[in-house]
Protein backbone atom coordinates (compact mmCIF):
# COMPACT_ATOMS: atom_id res chain seq x y z
CA MET A 1 58.57 -13.68 3.67
CA GLY A 2 58.03 -11.09 6.24
CA GLN A 3 55.17 -8.33 6.02
CA ARG A 4 55.04 -5.01 5.65
CA GLU A 5 52.63 -2.13 5.17
CA VAL A 6 52.78 0.60 2.89
CA SER A 7 50.45 3.30 3.71
CA LEU A 8 49.36 5.60 0.68
CA GLN A 9 47.71 9.09 0.66
CA VAL A 10 44.10 8.95 1.08
CA SER A 11 41.54 11.42 -0.01
CA PRO A 12 39.15 11.94 2.34
CA PHE A 13 36.20 11.79 -0.52
CA LEU A 14 37.95 8.23 -1.84
CA GLN A 15 38.00 6.28 1.82
CA ALA A 16 37.21 2.77 0.36
CA LYS A 17 38.01 -0.11 1.87
CA GLU A 18 41.80 -1.23 3.14
CA ILE A 19 43.24 -3.83 0.11
CA ASN A 20 45.21 -7.23 0.94
CA VAL A 21 47.64 -6.74 -1.66
CA SER A 22 49.04 -10.44 -2.30
CA TYR A 23 52.86 -11.22 -3.33
CA ARG A 24 52.87 -14.78 -5.36
CA HIS A 25 54.92 -16.09 -1.56
CA ARG A 26 52.24 -15.16 0.19
CA SER A 27 53.86 -12.34 2.27
CA MET A 28 50.86 -9.68 2.82
CA LEU A 29 51.03 -5.77 2.26
CA ARG A 30 48.04 -3.96 3.82
CA ILE A 31 47.21 -1.10 1.90
CA VAL A 32 45.09 1.73 2.55
CA ALA A 33 42.92 3.06 -0.49
CA ALA A 34 42.59 5.69 -2.29
CA ALA A 35 44.50 8.03 -4.34
CA SER A 36 45.86 11.82 -3.39
CA LEU A 37 44.47 14.03 -5.60
CA LEU A 38 45.90 17.52 -3.65
CA MET A 39 48.15 18.67 -6.68
CA SER A 40 45.54 18.41 -9.33
CA LEU A 41 43.05 19.64 -7.17
CA ALA A 42 45.18 23.16 -6.26
CA ALA A 43 45.82 22.97 -10.14
CA TRP A 44 41.63 23.03 -10.79
CA SER A 45 39.65 24.12 -8.08
CA GLY A 46 39.22 27.35 -10.14
CA ALA A 47 37.74 25.59 -13.10
CA GLN A 48 34.10 25.57 -13.28
CA ALA A 49 32.05 24.27 -16.34
CA GLN A 50 30.10 27.14 -18.30
CA THR A 51 28.02 26.37 -21.51
CA THR A 52 30.67 24.43 -23.33
CA GLN A 53 30.18 21.81 -26.14
CA ASP A 54 31.75 18.87 -26.33
CA GLN A 55 33.79 18.38 -29.74
CA THR A 56 33.26 14.77 -30.54
CA THR A 57 29.40 14.29 -29.50
CA LYS A 58 28.11 17.93 -30.12
CA ALA A 59 26.83 17.79 -26.67
CA THR A 60 26.68 21.04 -24.42
CA LEU A 61 26.30 21.77 -21.05
CA GLU A 62 24.22 24.36 -19.37
CA VAL A 63 24.94 25.51 -15.33
CA VAL A 64 21.40 25.08 -13.70
CA ALA A 65 22.40 25.11 -10.06
CA GLU A 66 26.01 26.60 -8.77
CA ASN A 67 28.09 27.75 -5.32
CA LEU A 68 27.41 23.73 -3.79
CA ASP A 69 29.99 22.33 -1.23
CA ASN A 70 30.92 19.10 -2.90
CA PRO A 71 27.94 18.43 -5.20
CA ARG A 72 27.05 14.27 -4.76
CA GLY A 73 23.89 12.27 -5.83
CA LEU A 74 21.13 13.57 -7.92
CA SER A 75 17.71 12.31 -8.13
CA PHE A 76 14.46 13.82 -9.06
CA ALA A 77 11.23 13.21 -6.75
CA PRO A 78 7.77 12.27 -8.76
CA ASP A 79 7.17 16.20 -8.21
CA GLY A 80 9.55 16.84 -11.30
CA SER A 81 12.06 18.63 -9.16
CA LEU A 82 15.96 17.85 -8.57
CA TYR A 83 17.83 17.12 -5.58
CA VAL A 84 21.20 16.98 -4.33
CA ALA A 85 22.96 15.93 -1.79
CA GLU A 86 26.07 18.64 -0.86
CA ALA A 87 28.61 16.30 1.32
CA GLY A 88 29.47 19.94 3.26
CA ARG A 89 32.68 21.66 3.85
CA GLY A 90 33.72 20.11 7.24
CA GLY A 91 34.89 22.13 9.76
CA PRO A 92 37.31 24.52 11.52
CA ALA A 93 40.68 22.92 12.52
CA ASP A 94 40.38 24.32 16.09
CA GLY A 95 37.22 21.58 15.86
CA VAL A 96 36.76 18.02 16.22
CA CYS A 97 39.38 16.45 14.05
CA ARG A 98 40.55 13.00 12.95
CA ILE A 99 44.31 12.67 11.40
CA GLY A 100 44.53 10.88 8.54
CA PRO A 101 47.72 9.84 6.32
CA GLU A 102 46.72 13.65 4.62
CA GLY A 103 46.26 15.39 7.80
CA PRO A 104 43.62 15.89 9.80
CA ALA A 105 39.76 16.28 8.27
CA CYS A 106 37.73 17.82 10.66
CA TYR A 107 34.00 17.74 11.48
CA GLY A 108 31.43 20.89 10.78
CA ALA A 109 27.37 20.83 10.40
CA THR A 110 27.93 21.92 7.06
CA GLY A 111 26.51 18.90 5.11
CA ALA A 112 23.06 19.72 3.02
CA ILE A 113 20.12 18.53 0.56
CA THR A 114 19.34 21.21 -1.99
CA ARG A 115 16.12 21.43 -4.13
CA ILE A 116 16.36 22.63 -7.56
CA THR A 117 12.76 23.25 -9.28
CA PHE A 118 11.49 23.97 -12.92
CA ASP A 119 8.65 26.20 -13.54
CA SER A 120 6.82 26.45 -16.81
CA THR A 121 8.43 29.80 -17.86
CA GLY A 122 12.14 28.30 -17.59
CA THR A 123 12.45 29.87 -14.32
CA ILE A 124 15.17 27.35 -12.03
CA SER A 125 15.58 28.04 -8.50
CA GLN A 126 17.72 26.18 -6.46
CA THR A 127 17.02 26.01 -2.14
CA ARG A 128 18.45 24.10 0.54
CA VAL A 129 15.63 22.05 2.18
CA LEU A 130 18.10 20.20 4.62
CA VAL A 131 20.81 21.94 6.27
CA ASN A 132 23.72 21.13 9.51
CA LEU A 133 23.59 17.76 8.34
CA PRO A 134 27.91 15.91 9.44
CA SER A 135 30.81 16.23 7.14
CA LEU A 136 34.38 15.87 6.82
CA ALA A 137 37.07 17.75 4.98
CA ALA A 138 40.41 19.09 5.10
CA PRO A 139 40.36 22.23 7.09
CA ASP A 140 43.17 24.10 5.39
CA GLY A 141 45.70 23.55 2.33
CA PRO A 142 45.02 22.89 -1.17
CA THR A 143 42.36 21.03 -0.68
CA ALA A 144 40.34 22.77 2.40
CA GLY A 145 36.74 21.67 2.42
CA GLY A 146 37.52 19.47 -0.63
CA PHE A 147 36.58 15.73 -1.24
CA ALA A 148 34.15 16.21 1.71
CA THR A 149 32.54 13.20 3.31
CA GLY A 150 28.90 13.66 4.25
CA PRO A 151 25.90 13.47 2.44
CA HIS A 152 26.87 11.55 -0.33
CA ASP A 153 23.07 10.59 -2.25
CA VAL A 154 19.51 11.80 -1.76
CA SER A 155 16.44 10.15 -2.94
CA VAL A 156 12.99 11.22 -2.32
CA LEU A 157 8.82 9.63 -2.07
CA SER A 158 6.03 11.10 -3.49
CA ASN A 159 4.81 11.87 0.37
CA GLY A 160 7.83 13.78 0.64
CA ASP A 161 10.13 11.31 2.56
CA LEU A 162 13.35 12.35 2.12
CA TYR A 163 16.44 9.95 2.33
CA THR A 164 20.08 10.60 2.63
CA VAL A 165 23.41 8.58 2.88
CA ILE A 166 26.37 10.41 5.60
CA GLY A 167 29.76 8.34 4.47
CA TYR A 168 32.58 7.81 6.81
CA GLY A 169 35.29 5.11 5.37
CA GLY A 170 36.60 3.81 8.06
CA LEU A 171 36.35 1.13 10.63
CA PRO A 172 32.50 2.07 12.21
CA VAL A 173 34.03 1.59 15.95
CA SER A 174 36.47 4.36 15.17
CA ARG A 175 33.18 6.95 14.32
CA THR A 176 32.61 8.12 18.38
CA VAL A 177 36.66 7.16 19.21
CA ASP A 178 37.73 10.00 16.96
CA LEU A 179 34.82 12.19 16.36
CA GLY A 180 32.92 12.06 20.12
CA PRO A 181 29.29 11.52 20.04
CA ASP A 182 28.54 13.17 16.54
CA GLY A 183 30.72 10.76 15.34
CA ALA A 184 27.48 8.63 16.08
CA ASN A 185 26.02 10.54 12.51
CA PHE A 186 28.05 9.11 10.04
CA GLY A 187 28.09 5.69 8.60
CA GLN A 188 24.38 6.13 8.61
CA LEU A 189 21.12 6.16 6.30
CA VAL A 190 18.86 9.41 7.47
CA VAL A 191 15.78 10.18 6.61
CA ARG A 192 13.66 13.64 6.91
CA PRO A 193 10.14 12.26 6.81
CA GLY A 194 7.63 14.68 5.07
CA ASN A 195 5.96 16.04 7.46
CA TYR A 196 8.66 16.92 9.90
CA ALA A 197 11.52 19.41 9.91
CA LEU A 198 14.77 17.46 11.05
CA PRO A 199 16.17 14.07 10.37
CA ILE A 200 16.78 10.72 12.18
CA ASN A 201 19.01 8.32 11.74
CA ASP A 202 16.92 5.56 10.26
CA ALA A 203 19.38 2.75 10.48
CA ASP A 204 23.36 2.48 11.21
CA ILE A 205 24.45 0.96 7.49
CA ALA A 206 28.36 1.55 9.25
CA GLU A 207 27.21 -0.85 12.78
CA TYR A 208 25.63 -3.03 9.92
CA GLU A 209 28.92 -3.86 8.40
CA GLN A 210 30.65 -4.21 12.09
CA GLN A 211 28.31 -6.69 13.11
CA SER A 212 27.84 -8.73 9.77
CA ASN A 213 30.59 -7.95 7.27
CA PRO A 214 29.38 -9.36 4.20
CA ASP A 215 32.14 -9.61 1.90
CA GLY A 216 34.16 -11.10 4.84
CA GLN A 217 37.00 -8.88 3.99
CA LEU A 218 38.45 -5.79 5.74
CA ILE A 219 35.93 -4.22 7.58
CA ASP A 220 34.79 -0.96 6.40
CA SER A 221 31.87 1.52 5.69
CA ASN A 222 31.00 4.31 3.59
CA PRO A 223 27.45 4.66 2.73
CA TYR A 224 27.53 5.91 -0.61
CA ALA A 225 23.95 5.58 -2.47
CA VAL A 226 20.50 5.26 -1.70
CA LEU A 227 17.24 4.04 -3.72
CA ALA A 228 14.54 4.97 -1.39
CA LEU A 229 11.66 2.57 -2.56
CA ARG A 230 8.21 2.54 -1.02
CA ASP A 231 8.32 -0.79 0.81
CA TRP A 232 12.28 -0.80 1.80
CA ARG A 233 15.16 1.23 0.88
CA THR A 234 18.24 -0.10 -1.31
CA VAL A 235 21.79 1.07 -0.18
CA VAL A 236 25.47 0.62 -1.31
CA ASP A 237 28.14 0.71 0.76
CA ALA A 238 30.92 1.52 -0.77
CA GLY A 239 33.44 0.77 2.11
CA GLY A 240 31.47 -3.22 2.74
CA ASN A 241 31.12 -3.66 -1.12
CA SER A 242 27.93 -4.63 -0.45
CA LEU A 243 24.53 -4.18 -1.59
CA LEU A 244 21.66 -3.50 1.32
CA ALA A 245 18.34 -3.43 1.82
CA VAL A 246 16.74 -1.86 5.21
CA LEU A 247 13.46 -2.59 5.53
CA PRO A 248 10.73 -0.45 7.40
CA ASP A 249 11.48 -1.97 10.84
CA ASP A 250 15.13 -1.45 10.33
CA THR A 251 16.38 -4.43 9.39
CA VAL A 252 19.01 -4.61 7.10
CA LEU A 253 19.40 -7.62 4.53
CA THR A 254 22.61 -8.22 2.40
CA LEU A 255 21.07 -8.33 -1.24
CA ALA A 256 24.71 -8.67 -3.20
CA THR A 257 28.34 -8.61 -2.18
CA PHE A 258 30.69 -7.47 -5.04
CA PRO A 259 34.28 -9.56 -6.24
CA THR A 260 37.76 -8.15 -6.15
CA GLN A 261 39.42 -8.19 -9.27
CA THR A 262 43.58 -8.89 -9.69
CA ALA A 263 45.81 -5.87 -10.61
CA THR A 264 49.58 -6.27 -11.46
CA ILE A 265 51.91 -3.55 -10.16
CA PRO A 266 55.58 -2.09 -10.72
CA PRO A 267 57.63 -4.96 -10.46
CA GLY A 268 55.51 -7.19 -11.78
CA VAL A 269 53.27 -8.26 -8.12
CA ASP A 270 49.55 -9.44 -8.55
CA ILE A 271 47.15 -6.99 -6.11
CA SER A 272 43.93 -7.59 -4.95
CA VAL A 273 41.24 -4.70 -6.02
CA ASP A 274 37.94 -3.82 -4.40
CA SER A 275 34.96 -3.38 -6.27
CA VAL A 276 34.31 -0.74 -4.55
CA PRO A 277 30.45 0.07 -5.49
CA THR A 278 29.41 3.20 -6.00
CA SER A 279 25.75 3.70 -7.47
CA VAL A 280 22.46 1.64 -8.11
CA ALA A 281 19.59 1.35 -10.07
CA ILE A 282 16.66 -0.12 -11.12
CA GLY A 283 16.75 -1.50 -15.05
CA PRO A 284 13.76 -2.21 -17.54
CA ASP A 285 13.88 -6.12 -15.94
CA GLY A 286 13.49 -4.89 -12.23
CA ALA A 287 17.19 -6.43 -12.07
CA TYR A 288 19.62 -3.97 -9.86
CA TYR A 289 22.46 -2.68 -11.63
CA VAL A 290 25.58 -1.47 -9.62
CA GLY A 291 28.56 0.50 -11.10
CA GLU A 292 31.92 0.16 -9.26
CA LEU A 293 34.52 2.57 -8.55
CA THR A 294 37.26 -0.28 -7.76
CA GLY A 295 40.05 0.59 -5.63
CA PHE A 296 43.98 0.89 -5.75
CA PRO A 297 45.46 0.73 -8.25
CA PHE A 298 42.01 2.24 -9.67
CA PRO A 299 42.82 -0.04 -12.74
CA VAL A 300 41.79 2.28 -16.47
CA GLY A 301 38.88 0.37 -18.07
CA GLY A 302 38.73 -2.42 -14.92
CA ALA A 303 35.06 -0.88 -13.57
CA ARG A 304 32.29 -2.76 -14.65
CA VAL A 305 28.64 -3.22 -14.08
CA TYR A 306 26.65 -5.38 -12.15
CA ARG A 307 23.28 -7.13 -12.67
CA VAL A 308 22.09 -8.00 -9.28
CA VAL A 309 19.37 -10.63 -8.85
CA PRO A 310 19.22 -10.75 -4.82
CA GLY A 311 20.11 -14.19 -4.07
CA GLN A 312 21.87 -14.90 -7.00
CA PRO A 313 25.89 -14.36 -7.57
CA PRO A 314 26.36 -10.49 -9.31
CA GLU A 315 26.81 -11.06 -13.30
CA VAL A 316 28.85 -8.33 -15.34
CA TYR A 317 26.43 -6.21 -17.41
CA ALA A 318 29.14 -3.62 -19.21
CA GLU A 319 32.71 -3.65 -18.49
CA GLY A 320 35.43 -1.44 -19.95
CA PHE A 321 34.80 1.72 -17.59
CA THR A 322 37.47 3.61 -15.43
CA ASN A 323 36.25 4.42 -11.91
CA ILE A 324 32.36 4.44 -12.75
CA ILE A 325 30.52 7.30 -9.70
CA ASP A 326 27.30 6.71 -11.13
CA LEU A 327 24.55 4.97 -13.48
CA ALA A 328 20.90 6.08 -14.78
CA PHE A 329 18.43 4.06 -17.13
CA ASP A 330 16.40 5.86 -19.57
CA SER A 331 13.29 5.29 -21.07
CA ASP A 332 14.32 3.08 -24.23
CA GLY A 333 16.60 0.92 -21.40
CA ASN A 334 19.82 2.79 -22.62
CA LEU A 335 22.14 2.98 -19.48
CA TYR A 336 24.29 6.12 -19.07
CA VAL A 337 27.19 5.40 -17.32
CA LEU A 338 29.39 8.42 -15.38
CA GLU A 339 33.21 8.01 -14.52
CA LEU A 340 34.19 10.09 -12.40
CA VAL A 341 37.83 10.43 -14.01
CA ASP A 342 38.30 9.01 -17.56
CA GLU A 343 42.59 8.36 -17.71
CA GLY A 344 41.80 6.50 -13.63
CA LEU A 345 42.88 8.46 -10.67
CA LEU A 346 45.94 7.76 -10.64
CA GLN A 347 46.76 9.40 -13.54
CA ALA A 348 44.69 12.44 -12.20
CA GLN A 349 47.36 12.83 -9.19
CA GLY A 350 50.29 15.50 -9.66
CA PRO A 351 51.10 18.46 -11.62
CA GLY A 352 48.77 18.73 -14.76
CA GLY A 353 46.62 15.96 -13.50
CA ASN A 354 43.50 15.16 -15.58
CA LEU A 355 40.18 15.76 -13.62
CA THR A 356 38.13 15.41 -16.74
CA GLY A 357 34.92 12.82 -16.35
CA GLU A 358 32.93 11.02 -19.23
CA LEU A 359 29.40 10.20 -19.29
CA LEU A 360 28.73 7.17 -21.88
CA ARG A 361 25.91 5.09 -23.34
CA VAL A 362 25.17 1.17 -23.28
CA ASP A 363 22.53 0.90 -25.39
CA ALA A 364 19.94 -1.53 -24.55
CA PRO A 365 20.21 -5.15 -26.47
CA SER A 366 17.73 -6.08 -28.02
CA ALA A 367 18.30 -9.88 -26.20
CA PRO A 368 20.22 -10.97 -23.43
CA PRO A 369 23.90 -10.24 -23.88
CA PRO A 370 26.08 -13.45 -24.77
CA SER A 371 29.31 -11.81 -23.10
CA PRO A 372 29.08 -8.05 -21.50
CA LEU A 373 28.30 -4.97 -23.29
CA THR A 374 30.90 -1.50 -23.53
CA GLY A 375 29.91 2.32 -24.08
CA THR A 376 30.02 5.16 -25.93
CA THR A 377 31.31 8.33 -25.16
CA VAL A 378 27.89 11.19 -24.50
CA ILE A 379 30.14 13.84 -23.34
CA THR A 380 33.83 14.82 -21.61
CA ASP A 381 34.07 18.28 -22.37
CA GLY A 382 33.38 20.87 -19.48
CA LEU A 383 33.05 17.03 -17.24
CA LEU A 384 35.16 18.38 -13.67
CA ALA A 385 35.30 15.36 -11.55
CA PRO A 386 31.79 14.40 -11.96
CA THR A 387 30.37 13.10 -8.80
CA SER A 388 26.17 11.84 -10.38
CA VAL A 389 23.56 11.61 -13.46
CA ALA A 390 20.28 11.41 -13.07
CA ILE A 391 17.81 11.32 -16.09
CA SER A 392 14.45 13.59 -15.56
CA PRO A 393 10.73 12.22 -16.49
CA ASN A 394 10.18 15.20 -18.67
CA GLY A 395 13.68 14.62 -20.65
CA GLY A 396 16.85 15.61 -20.03
CA ILE A 397 20.12 14.64 -18.71
CA TYR A 398 21.49 16.40 -15.28
CA ILE A 399 24.85 15.83 -13.59
CA SER A 400 26.58 16.99 -10.45
CA ASN A 401 29.85 18.85 -11.46
CA SER A 402 32.82 20.08 -9.60
CA GLY A 403 31.85 17.12 -7.58
CA VAL A 404 34.45 17.27 -5.26
CA PHE A 405 34.82 21.22 -4.41
CA SER A 406 33.77 22.89 -1.76
CA GLY A 407 31.61 26.71 -2.85
CA THR A 408 32.26 26.31 -6.46
CA GLY A 409 30.43 22.90 -7.41
CA GLN A 410 27.43 22.89 -10.09
CA VAL A 411 24.08 20.78 -11.56
CA VAL A 412 24.71 20.97 -15.10
CA ARG A 413 22.62 20.05 -18.11
CA VAL A 414 23.74 17.68 -20.83
CA ASP A 415 21.82 18.75 -24.13
CA THR A 416 22.05 15.86 -26.54
CA CYS A 417 20.26 17.22 -29.20
CA GLU A 418 21.63 20.47 -29.88
CA GLY A 419 18.39 22.35 -31.60
CA ASP A 420 17.89 19.31 -33.73
CA PRO A 421 13.98 19.19 -34.18
CA ALA A 422 13.87 15.81 -34.62
CA CYS A 423 15.74 14.66 -31.54
CA THR A 424 14.28 13.74 -28.54
CA GLU A 425 16.08 14.36 -24.94
CA PRO A 426 16.29 10.85 -22.99
CA ALA A 427 13.46 10.73 -20.18
CA ALA A 428 13.73 8.76 -17.12
CA LEU A 429 12.68 5.03 -17.19
CA PRO A 430 9.83 5.14 -14.65
CA ALA A 431 9.72 3.93 -11.30
CA PRO A 432 9.22 -0.06 -11.18
CA TYR A 433 6.29 -1.65 -9.15
CA THR A 434 6.99 -3.25 -5.96
CA ALA A 435 6.10 -5.24 -3.30
CA LEU A 436 7.13 -6.56 0.72
CA ALA A 437 5.82 -10.13 1.45
CA ARG A 438 5.56 -11.25 4.34
CA GLY A 439 3.96 -13.95 6.88
CA GLN A 440 2.55 -11.23 8.62
CA ASN A 441 0.34 -10.19 5.71
CA GLU A 442 -0.97 -13.77 4.91
CA VAL A 443 -4.89 -13.44 5.79
CA ASP A 444 -7.47 -16.36 6.56
CA SER A 445 -11.07 -15.96 5.00
CA GLU A 446 -12.37 -14.03 7.40
CA GLY A 447 -9.44 -11.41 6.42
CA THR A 448 -7.68 -12.18 9.82
CA PRO A 449 -3.80 -11.16 9.40
CA GLY A 450 -0.71 -13.40 10.46
CA GLN A 451 -1.43 -16.58 8.92
CA GLY A 452 1.30 -16.92 6.87
CA ASP A 453 5.49 -17.70 7.75
CA LEU A 454 5.74 -14.60 10.48
CA ASP A 455 9.93 -15.30 9.49
CA GLY A 456 9.41 -14.63 6.27
CA VAL A 457 10.26 -11.76 4.10
CA GLY A 458 10.14 -11.07 0.44
CA PRO A 459 11.28 -7.85 -1.62
CA ALA A 460 10.02 -7.96 -4.77
CA ILE A 461 10.38 -5.40 -7.73
CA PHE A 462 7.83 -5.62 -11.31
CA THR A 463 8.00 -4.02 -14.12
CA PHE A 464 5.22 -4.49 -16.86
CA ASP A 465 5.57 -4.17 -20.99
CA VAL A 466 1.76 -4.11 -22.28
CA ALA A 467 2.87 -3.81 -25.99
CA ALA A 468 5.04 -6.81 -25.23
CA GLY A 469 2.51 -8.85 -22.49
CA GLN A 470 5.48 -8.60 -20.76
CA VAL A 471 5.26 -8.90 -16.79
CA CYS A 472 9.15 -8.96 -14.98
CA VAL A 473 9.55 -10.13 -11.32
CA GLN A 474 13.04 -10.16 -9.23
CA SER A 475 12.38 -11.87 -6.07
CA GLN A 476 14.11 -13.29 -3.31
CA VAL A 477 12.48 -14.72 0.11
CA ILE A 478 14.21 -15.11 3.19
CA GLY A 479 13.50 -16.69 6.11
CA ILE A 480 11.07 -20.02 5.25
CA ASP A 481 10.99 -22.94 3.31
CA PRO A 482 11.82 -22.86 -0.28
CA PRO A 483 8.92 -21.58 -2.45
CA THR A 484 6.88 -23.90 -4.38
CA LEU A 485 4.63 -21.59 -5.57
CA ALA A 486 4.37 -17.79 -6.78
CA HIS A 487 1.81 -15.57 -8.50
CA ILE A 488 0.24 -12.25 -8.66
CA HIS A 489 -3.56 -12.41 -7.29
CA ARG A 490 -5.95 -10.17 -7.53
CA GLY A 491 -7.50 -9.20 -4.28
CA ASP A 492 -6.74 -6.03 -1.64
CA ALA A 493 -5.12 -6.35 1.27
CA SER A 494 -7.91 -8.10 3.73
CA THR A 495 -9.42 -10.89 0.78
CA ASN A 496 -7.51 -14.08 -1.12
CA GLY A 497 -8.32 -13.47 -4.56
CA PRO A 498 -7.74 -15.46 -7.56
CA VAL A 499 -4.14 -15.92 -9.59
CA VAL A 500 -4.00 -13.52 -12.13
CA VAL A 501 -0.08 -14.20 -12.90
CA ASP A 502 1.78 -16.86 -12.60
CA PHE A 503 5.86 -17.05 -11.86
CA THR A 504 6.08 -20.61 -10.84
CA SER A 505 8.76 -21.83 -13.32
CA LEU A 506 10.41 -18.85 -12.34
CA ILE A 507 11.16 -20.44 -9.39
CA ASN A 508 15.28 -21.26 -8.46
CA GLY A 509 16.10 -21.87 -4.90
CA THR A 510 14.39 -18.89 -2.84
CA THR A 511 14.94 -16.61 -6.04
CA ILE A 512 12.33 -15.62 -7.77
CA SER A 513 13.64 -13.88 -11.41
CA GLY A 514 12.79 -13.66 -14.90
CA CYS A 515 9.44 -12.34 -17.28
CA VAL A 516 6.29 -14.28 -18.20
CA THR A 517 4.93 -13.35 -21.85
CA GLY A 518 1.65 -13.46 -23.68
CA VAL A 519 -0.34 -11.48 -20.55
CA ASP A 520 -2.99 -9.84 -21.77
CA ALA A 521 -2.52 -6.16 -22.25
CA GLU A 522 -6.21 -5.22 -20.47
CA LEU A 523 -4.77 -6.93 -17.44
CA ILE A 524 -1.70 -5.16 -17.04
CA GLU A 525 -3.10 -2.22 -17.50
CA GLU A 526 -5.83 -2.87 -15.03
CA ILE A 527 -2.70 -4.30 -12.80
CA THR A 528 -0.43 -0.74 -13.02
CA THR A 529 -3.44 1.33 -13.04
CA ASN A 530 -4.88 0.06 -9.56
CA PRO A 531 -1.90 -1.76 -7.93
CA ALA A 532 -3.25 -1.91 -5.15
CA GLY A 533 -6.24 -4.24 -6.04
CA PHE A 534 -3.40 -6.98 -6.53
CA TYR A 535 -1.25 -9.09 -3.88
CA TYR A 536 1.94 -10.95 -4.55
CA ASN A 537 2.02 -14.33 -3.05
CA VAL A 538 4.60 -17.12 -2.58
CA HIS A 539 3.33 -20.52 -1.30
CA ASN A 540 5.50 -23.50 0.03
CA PRO A 541 4.23 -27.09 1.69
CA ALA A 542 4.54 -25.80 5.11
CA TYR A 543 2.18 -22.76 4.12
CA PRO A 544 -0.30 -23.82 0.92
CA ALA A 545 -2.28 -21.08 0.85
CA GLY A 546 0.57 -18.61 1.23
CA ALA A 547 3.86 -18.13 3.30
CA VAL A 548 4.26 -14.36 2.41
CA ARG A 549 2.39 -11.81 0.65
CA GLY A 550 2.51 -8.06 -0.19
CA GLN A 551 0.19 -5.59 -2.45
CA LEU A 552 1.78 -4.40 -5.14
CA GLY A 553 2.84 -0.13 -5.55
CA VAL A 554 4.43 2.41 -7.38
CA GLY A 555 7.93 2.16 -6.57
CA ASN A 556 8.33 5.69 -5.57
CA THR A 557 5.25 6.40 -3.92
CA ALA A 558 4.36 6.35 -0.39
CA ASP A 559 0.64 6.99 1.22
CA SER A 560 1.88 7.41 4.59
CA HIS A 561 5.11 9.05 6.66
CA LEU A 562 7.65 6.85 8.12
CA ALA A 563 6.62 6.77 11.78
CA LEU A 564 8.57 8.46 14.09
CA PRO A 565 9.34 6.69 17.74
CA LEU A 566 8.31 9.57 20.75
CA LEU A 567 11.86 10.40 21.59
CA TYR A 568 14.82 10.52 19.48
CA ARG A 569 18.00 12.47 18.55
CA PRO A 570 17.79 14.82 16.11
CA LEU A 571 20.65 15.36 13.74
CA PRO A 572 23.26 16.32 14.52
């Protein structure tokens, strides 16, 4: 049979990956994802969440920030302030625009990052701390300024270094073709160092997709989520179906890619559905957990949460969700899953379309589950196209609400206790510990560095449980011969010290993954109190004293600011 092309209308907000659709007789359709919500946007654009009670769970919503432009990713900084990425409202119709199936999406420097602070008296303040970031949106019509593409997420380290990802959705090479020089600022990981006023492009995520295409499918990039750690930045590329790590020298590593699934559309055509990952969180075991939106036809109940150990295939941890847009863990290990729309994006279209989202909780299992887990509803009422969830270290769940609208976006707090004095609001899972093991960090007896495999690198995440006497590690070493030994040693960066925790039994190829038990509680307390006094070391026959090593530290801390080049191009 021959080939034909079908074009679906695409919302700029949901532009993801072009999906290959296979007939059983091997003819192919090329469908451009995703769904158009034009009519439902017009119907719902005036709606806002006030203090609303969910009739099923009795949870309530309280507005803590408002008048936001397409609020997306939420993130608590170590100082307790809450940051929200605003994708902006695009620019005017007579400016720089690119033409898509729905018409023009026009450029404007209207993206922003807003900080929300909470003082001891209960006063809440919101301030835009970073402005003039790139944004694309429809300039007029019922979706004017809505469904914007711009800053999609934010993550802040203890020293104030602020990271955001600027989305795109399309071929990386088309950025400057469609939008001129300003187009190069889309598809980027961006940093605003805490000691500097202006942001800079830190890593070109779209270019990495263009050059590497990790999932081997059609080239497309839409950076959507970022998690900044002291040693590297983790980025989710929704268009590239990939989870990436950006190292301090801007080297990009592929941590995982996410598989397609099959759906059937009338009249009985089987199609391949992209994953479209949108979110990443680190769990109590130190593994990454990634939620997927799914591509067309956005199957109801078809979105999954993956558990990711770099170097191993992703495993389904929880399933049965619809259009996942964000994830967060609480301190008890429960996973909160936010759905953009709980009845699916196709059902959200047209007059009367339902844009109600849903927050669900996946209870922490007491042991590794034999099959994927499912979630229970926390709240639906008042959630209108929610786009992010974050849990405060001091207790409380916060959600970006009305997240695809210009000027009416909000951040809301979910009250799950409803005045019950015996109830405690969930608090955030504490930050993990990390180490970036490199050959250049290996030292000899005189403290001279560079004694390991200079091609090697091994990002590692650690979690500690004093009560259980347990230490967990998730690590993959790259660029060295297969490891034979892996440990935590006592010693600062200039000394070689004794082994205190042995991970050798957890080695599987290039991956060191799992937990060891029976670790002395006093030792765990010593490591977590003074992580810089301990280092992670991986050995192999070529480098028996150590191929790569790195000092431990708390994952969301940073002692120094990102080094800036003497010459660079500020944004925009």
